[in-house]
Amino acid sequence: MAHSNSVQFHQAPAFSFKPLFAIRDFFSLLITAFSEAKIMEQKSRKTSGNW
């Protein structure tokens, strides 16, 4: 009985933290992509100014 309770207790934090890590990774991906897009936009503006 005590063993099943301890297993349940150990599983609960893993399930609660996984979505948080997924959200953090998702936002870091968004921020990275956004910053790269900004850099590409600035580069394209510099090159398009030569036309």
Protein backbone atom coordinates (compact mmCIF):
# COMPACT_ATOMS: atom_id res chain seq x y z
CA MET A 1 0.00 0.00 0.00
CA ALA A 2 2.71 2.45 0.95
CA HIS A 3 4.65 1.53 -2.16
CA SER A 4 1.77 2.40 -4.48
CA ASN A 5 1.37 5.74 -2.71
CA SER A 6 5.05 6.55 -3.14
CA VAL A 7 4.90 5.66 -6.85
CA GLN A 8 1.86 7.87 -7.27
CA PHE A 9 3.65 10.68 -5.46
CA HIS A 10 6.71 10.38 -7.70
CA GLN A 11 4.65 10.40 -10.88
CA ALA A 12 2.63 13.53 -10.06
CA PRO A 13 5.47 16.10 -10.35
CA ALA A 14 6.63 14.62 -13.65
CA PHE A 15 3.19 15.10 -15.19
CA SER A 16 2.85 18.63 -13.85
CA PHE A 17 6.29 19.78 -15.01
CA LYS A 18 6.26 18.29 -18.50
CA PRO A 19 3.71 20.79 -19.92
CA LEU A 20 5.67 23.66 -18.37
CA PHE A 21 8.85 22.49 -20.08
CA ALA A 22 6.98 22.05 -23.35
CA ILE A 23 5.56 25.58 -23.10
CA ARG A 24 9.02 26.97 -22.28
CA ASP A 25 10.57 25.17 -25.25
CA PHE A 26 7.74 26.37 -27.50
CA PHE A 27 8.24 29.99 -26.49
CA SER A 28 12.01 29.75 -26.84
CA LEU A 29 11.49 28.38 -30.36
CA LEU A 30 9.09 31.24 -31.13
CA ILE A 31 11.54 33.84 -29.81
CA THR A 32 14.40 32.31 -31.78
CA ALA A 33 12.38 32.20 -34.99
CA PHE A 34 11.15 35.76 -34.46
CA SER A 35 14.65 37.11 -33.89
CA GLU A 36 15.94 35.27 -36.95
CA ALA A 37 13.07 36.67 -39.00
CA LYS A 38 13.93 40.17 -37.80
CA ILE A 39 17.56 39.70 -38.85
CA MET A 40 16.52 38.37 -42.24
CA GLU A 41 14.13 41.31 -42.66
CA GLN A 42 16.88 43.81 -41.89
CA LYS A 43 19.25 42.08 -44.31
CA SER A 44 16.63 42.06 -47.06
CA ARG A 45 15.92 45.74 -46.47
CA LYS A 46 19.61 46.54 -46.82
CA THR A 47 19.87 44.59 -50.07
CA SER A 48 16.56 45.87 -51.44
CA GLY A 49 17.79 49.44 -50.92
CA ASN A 50 20.40 48.85 -53.63
CA TRP A 51 17.79 48.25 -56.34
